[in-house]
């Protein structure tokens, strides 16, 4: 295997991205909304195309966790109902509040970034982006269930 030659003196170099903190650092103390990986990726892509922030997103096994500000998980079921995605649809979306010493905090080998975060999550009840996230996730879950392609 050969290495590319070093850049010439004075040649522009790519900026170095700041390393994201370990997943467990942001996960601990953060509320979260989880969904199956496929719909979560579809929702994340849709939100990114629309220019809507989502905050940090982790992948753990076959689910993704959208990290939220503390206290944002409790009203998620009511917000989904308000958006028209009530519990009768049985969508695979779960909201969990953070608990000190939560045994579900992933270790560095069990969680990977889908969208890296560099600071604690800020999506909270005052953020319209929380509603956009929930609507996009619910739509993606319903589309997967119906065998429809992801929304653009």
C-alpha atoms as a PDB file:
ATOM      1  CA  UNK A   1       0.000   0.000   0.000  1.00  0.00           C
ATOM      2  CA  UNK A   2       1.435   3.364  -0.962  1.00  0.00           C
ATOM      3  CA  UNK A   3       0.919   6.638   0.814  1.00  0.00           C
ATOM      4  CA  UNK A   4      -0.013   9.845  -0.963  1.00  0.00           C
ATOM      5  CA  UNK A   5       2.807  12.381  -1.167  1.00  0.00           C
ATOM      6  CA  UNK A   6       2.833  15.093   1.502  1.00  0.00           C
ATOM      7  CA  UNK A   7       1.279  18.425   0.455  1.00  0.00           C
ATOM      8  CA  UNK A   8       3.619  20.879  -1.196  1.00  0.00           C
ATOM      9  CA  UNK A   9       4.834  23.790   0.900  1.00  0.00           C
ATOM     10  CA  UNK A  10       2.251  26.566   0.888  1.00  0.00           C
ATOM     11  CA  UNK A  11      -0.483  24.254  -0.445  1.00  0.00           C
ATOM     12  CA  UNK A  12      -3.884  24.622   1.221  1.00  0.00           C
ATOM     13  CA  UNK A  13      -4.714  21.953   3.732  1.00  0.00           C
ATOM     14  CA  UNK A  14      -8.092  20.678   4.813  1.00  0.00           C
ATOM     15  CA  UNK A  15      -9.299  22.025   8.159  1.00  0.00           C
ATOM     16  CA  UNK A  16      -9.002  19.606  11.024  1.00  0.00           C
ATOM     17  CA  UNK A  17     -12.386  18.757  12.531  1.00  0.00           C
ATOM     18  CA  UNK A  18     -12.699  18.884  16.281  1.00  0.00           C
ATOM     19  CA  UNK A  19     -13.018  15.445  17.762  1.00  0.00           C
ATOM     20  CA  UNK A  20     -16.443  14.655  19.157  1.00  0.00           C
ATOM     21  CA  UNK A  21     -16.524  13.729  22.826  1.00  0.00           C
ATOM     22  CA  UNK A  22     -17.107  10.094  23.688  1.00  0.00           C
ATOM     23  CA  UNK A  23     -20.720   9.051  23.173  1.00  0.00           C
ATOM     24  CA  UNK A  24     -21.201   8.254  26.846  1.00  0.00           C
ATOM     25  CA  UNK A  25     -20.332  11.825  27.852  1.00  0.00           C
ATOM     26  CA  UNK A  26     -23.244  13.347  25.923  1.00  0.00           C
ATOM     27  CA  UNK A  27     -25.611  10.420  26.515  1.00  0.00           C
ATOM     28  CA  UNK A  28     -25.346  10.667  30.279  1.00  0.00           C
ATOM     29  CA  UNK A  29     -27.766  13.304  31.512  1.00  0.00           C
ATOM     30  CA  UNK A  30     -29.545  13.628  28.168  1.00  0.00           C
ATOM     31  CA  UNK A  31     -33.129  12.669  27.512  1.00  0.00           C
ATOM     32  CA  UNK A  32     -33.542  10.780  24.257  1.00  0.00           C
ATOM     33  CA  UNK A  33     -35.951   9.705  21.594  1.00  0.00           C
ATOM     34  CA  UNK A  34     -35.130   6.363  20.012  1.00  0.00           C
ATOM     35  CA  UNK A  35     -36.362   4.789  16.802  1.00  0.00           C
ATOM     36  CA  UNK A  36     -35.318   1.920  14.534  1.00  0.00           C
ATOM     37  CA  UNK A  37     -32.161   2.658  12.594  1.00  0.00           C
ATOM     38  CA  UNK A  38     -33.687   2.734   9.080  1.00  0.00           C
ATOM     39  CA  UNK A  39     -36.413   5.297   9.786  1.00  0.00           C
ATOM     40  CA  UNK A  40     -34.031   7.275  12.004  1.00  0.00           C
ATOM     41  CA  UNK A  41     -31.522   7.584   9.156  1.00  0.00           C
ATOM     42  CA  UNK A  42     -34.311   8.595   6.759  1.00  0.00           C
ATOM     43  CA  UNK A  43     -35.570  11.251   9.201  1.00  0.00           C
ATOM     44  CA  UNK A  44     -32.047  12.509   9.852  1.00  0.00           C
ATOM     45  CA  UNK A  45     -31.387  12.846   6.119  1.00  0.00           C
ATOM     46  CA  UNK A  46     -34.670  14.674   5.589  1.00  0.00           C
ATOM     47  CA  UNK A  47     -34.004  17.092   8.435  1.00  0.00           C
ATOM     48  CA  UNK A  48     -30.477  17.770   7.205  1.00  0.00           C
ATOM     49  CA  UNK A  49     -31.773  18.481   3.663  1.00  0.00           C
ATOM     50  CA  UNK A  50     -34.270  20.933   5.195  1.00  0.00           C
ATOM     51  CA  UNK A  51     -31.526  22.585   7.234  1.00  0.00           C
ATOM     52  CA  UNK A  52     -33.180  21.702  10.562  1.00  0.00           C
ATOM     53  CA  UNK A  53     -30.831  20.922  13.457  1.00  0.00           C
ATOM     54  CA  UNK A  54     -31.221  17.645  15.295  1.00  0.00           C
ATOM     55  CA  UNK A  55     -28.453  17.698  17.831  1.00  0.00           C
ATOM     56  CA  UNK A  56     -26.306  14.628  18.468  1.00  0.00           C
ATOM     57  CA  UNK A  57     -27.549  11.246  17.233  1.00  0.00           C
ATOM     58  CA  UNK A  58     -26.114   7.916  18.373  1.00  0.00           C
ATOM     59  CA  UNK A  59     -26.463   4.462  16.905  1.00  0.00           C
ATOM     60  CA  UNK A  60     -26.696   1.562  19.281  1.00  0.00           C
ATOM     61  CA  UNK A  61     -27.371  -1.856  17.741  1.00  0.00           C
ATOM     62  CA  UNK A  62     -30.447  -1.531  15.490  1.00  0.00           C
ATOM     63  CA  UNK A  63     -31.754   1.732  16.999  1.00  0.00           C
ATOM     64  CA  UNK A  64     -30.783   5.378  16.886  1.00  0.00           C
ATOM     65  CA  UNK A  65     -31.006   7.775  19.800  1.00  0.00           C
ATOM     66  CA  UNK A  66     -31.645  11.464  19.200  1.00  0.00           C
ATOM     67  CA  UNK A  67     -30.311  13.172  22.304  1.00  0.00           C
ATOM     68  CA  UNK A  68     -32.495  15.880  23.835  1.00  0.00           C
ATOM     69  CA  UNK A  69     -32.147  18.436  26.576  1.00  0.00           C
ATOM     70  CA  UNK A  70     -33.094  17.180  30.054  1.00  0.00           C
ATOM     71  CA  UNK A  71     -36.853  17.280  30.571  1.00  0.00           C
ATOM     72  CA  UNK A  72     -37.752  17.094  26.873  1.00  0.00           C
ATOM     73  CA  UNK A  73     -38.693  13.382  26.794  1.00  0.00           C
ATOM     74  CA  UNK A  74     -41.682  13.494  29.129  1.00  0.00           C
ATOM     75  CA  UNK A  75     -44.088  15.341  26.782  1.00  0.00           C
ATOM     76  CA  UNK A  76     -43.026  13.431  23.639  1.00  0.00           C
ATOM     77  CA  UNK A  77     -46.079  11.093  23.604  1.00  0.00           C
ATOM     78  CA  UNK A  78     -48.430  14.084  23.886  1.00  0.00           C
ATOM     79  CA  UNK A  79     -46.501  15.997  21.212  1.00  0.00           C
ATOM     80  CA  UNK A  80     -46.736  13.010  18.852  1.00  0.00           C
ATOM     81  CA  UNK A  81     -50.480  12.818  19.507  1.00  0.00           C
ATOM     82  CA  UNK A  82     -50.805  16.563  18.856  1.00  0.00           C
ATOM     83  CA  UNK A  83     -48.940  16.109  15.546  1.00  0.00           C
ATOM     84  CA  UNK A  84     -51.394  13.376  14.526  1.00  0.00           C
ATOM     85  CA  UNK A  85     -49.182  10.386  15.343  1.00  0.00           C
ATOM     86  CA  UNK A  86     -51.172   8.966  18.257  1.00  0.00           C
ATOM     87  CA  UNK A  87     -50.462   5.777  20.221  1.00  0.00           C
ATOM     88  CA  UNK A  88     -53.047   3.822  18.206  1.00  0.00           C
ATOM     89  CA  UNK A  89     -50.493   3.755  15.352  1.00  0.00           C
ATOM     90  CA  UNK A  90     -48.027   1.871  17.571  1.00  0.00           C
ATOM     91  CA  UNK A  91     -44.997   3.520  16.014  1.00  0.00           C
ATOM     92  CA  UNK A  92     -41.660   2.203  17.314  1.00  0.00           C
ATOM     93  CA  UNK A  93     -40.634   5.548  18.815  1.00  0.00           C
ATOM     94  CA  UNK A  94     -39.670   5.671  22.477  1.00  0.00           C
ATOM     95  CA  UNK A  95     -38.822   8.630  24.680  1.00  0.00           C
ATOM     96  CA  UNK A  96     -36.700   8.146  27.769  1.00  0.00           C
ATOM     97  CA  UNK A  97     -35.744  10.615  30.435  1.00  0.00           C
ATOM     98  CA  UNK A  98     -32.200  10.621  31.721  1.00  0.00           C
ATOM     99  CA  UNK A  99     -31.607   9.138  35.133  1.00  0.00           C
ATOM    100  CA  UNK A 100     -28.415   9.487  37.173  1.00  0.00           C
ATOM    101  CA  UNK A 101     -26.433   6.296  36.936  1.00  0.00           C
ATOM    102  CA  UNK A 102     -28.639   5.038  34.105  1.00  0.00           C
ATOM    103  CA  UNK A 103     -27.452   1.510  33.287  1.00  0.00           C
ATOM    104  CA  UNK A 104     -28.396   2.120  29.660  1.00  0.00           C
ATOM    105  CA  UNK A 105     -25.486   4.516  29.154  1.00  0.00           C
ATOM    106  CA  UNK A 106     -23.505   2.883  26.358  1.00  0.00           C
ATOM    107  CA  UNK A 107     -19.839   2.206  26.601  1.00  0.00           C
ATOM    108  CA  UNK A 108     -17.488   3.407  23.882  1.00  0.00           C
ATOM    109  CA  UNK A 109     -17.744   0.098  22.013  1.00  0.00           C
ATOM    110  CA  UNK A 110     -21.536  -0.158  21.950  1.00  0.00           C
ATOM    111  CA  UNK A 111     -22.543   3.260  20.566  1.00  0.00           C
ATOM    112  CA  UNK A 112     -21.426   5.059  17.448  1.00  0.00           C
ATOM    113  CA  UNK A 113     -22.226   8.496  16.107  1.00  0.00           C
ATOM    114  CA  UNK A 114     -24.728   8.916  13.286  1.00  0.00           C
ATOM    115  CA  UNK A 115     -24.400  12.657  13.751  1.00  0.00           C
ATOM    116  CA  UNK A 116     -21.632  13.723  16.092  1.00  0.00           C
ATOM    117  CA  UNK A 117     -22.231  16.235  18.794  1.00  0.00           C
ATOM    118  CA  UNK A 118     -19.684  18.508  20.350  1.00  0.00           C
ATOM    119  CA  UNK A 119     -21.821  19.881  23.173  1.00  0.00           C
ATOM    120  CA  UNK A 120     -24.805  18.754  25.211  1.00  0.00           C
ATOM    121  CA  UNK A 121     -28.113  18.532  23.329  1.00  0.00           C
ATOM    122  CA  UNK A 122     -30.246  21.656  23.116  1.00  0.00           C
ATOM    123  CA  UNK A 123     -33.504  20.396  21.591  1.00  0.00           C
ATOM    124  CA  UNK A 124     -36.028  21.171  24.287  1.00  0.00           C
ATOM    125  CA  UNK A 125     -39.688  22.081  24.633  1.00  0.00           C
ATOM    126  CA  UNK A 126     -39.087  25.640  23.442  1.00  0.00           C
ATOM    127  CA  UNK A 127     -37.502  24.451  20.196  1.00  0.00           C
ATOM    128  CA  UNK A 128     -39.683  24.123  17.101  1.00  0.00           C
ATOM    129  CA  UNK A 129     -36.997  21.743  15.847  1.00  0.00           C
ATOM    130  CA  UNK A 130     -38.167  19.171  18.411  1.00  0.00           C
ATOM    131  CA  UNK A 131     -41.567  19.094  16.696  1.00  0.00           C
ATOM    132  CA  UNK A 132     -39.882  18.768  13.291  1.00  0.00           C
ATOM    133  CA  UNK A 133     -37.775  15.884  14.599  1.00  0.00           C
ATOM    134  CA  UNK A 134     -40.766  14.032  16.030  1.00  0.00           C
ATOM    135  CA  UNK A 135     -42.842  14.550  12.883  1.00  0.00           C
ATOM    136  CA  UNK A 136     -39.998  13.391  10.612  1.00  0.00           C
ATOM    137  CA  UNK A 137     -39.347  10.307  12.778  1.00  0.00           C
ATOM    138  CA  UNK A 138     -43.025   9.346  12.917  1.00  0.00           C
ATOM    139  CA  UNK A 139     -43.410   9.852   9.168  1.00  0.00           C
ATOM    140  CA  UNK A 140     -40.323   7.728   8.443  1.00  0.00           C
ATOM    141  CA  UNK A 141     -41.555   4.930  10.759  1.00  0.00           C
ATOM    142  CA  UNK A 142     -45.005   4.943   9.121  1.00  0.00           C
ATOM    143  CA  UNK A 143     -43.483   4.931   5.620  1.00  0.00           C
ATOM    144  CA  UNK A 144     -41.257   1.972   6.479  1.00  0.00           C
ATOM    145  CA  UNK A 145     -44.238   0.066   7.874  1.00  0.00           C
ATOM    146  CA  UNK A 146     -46.207   0.723   4.663  1.00  0.00           C
ATOM    147  CA  UNK A 147     -43.276  -0.137   2.414  1.00  0.00           C
ATOM    148  CA  UNK A 148     -43.056   3.397   1.013  1.00  0.00           C
ATOM    149  CA  UNK A 149     -39.795   5.145   0.112  1.00  0.00           C
ATOM    150  CA  UNK A 150     -38.467   7.797   2.514  1.00  0.00           C
ATOM    151  CA  UNK A 151     -39.842  11.308   2.140  1.00  0.00           C
ATOM    152  CA  UNK A 152     -37.691  13.872   0.431  1.00  0.00           C
END
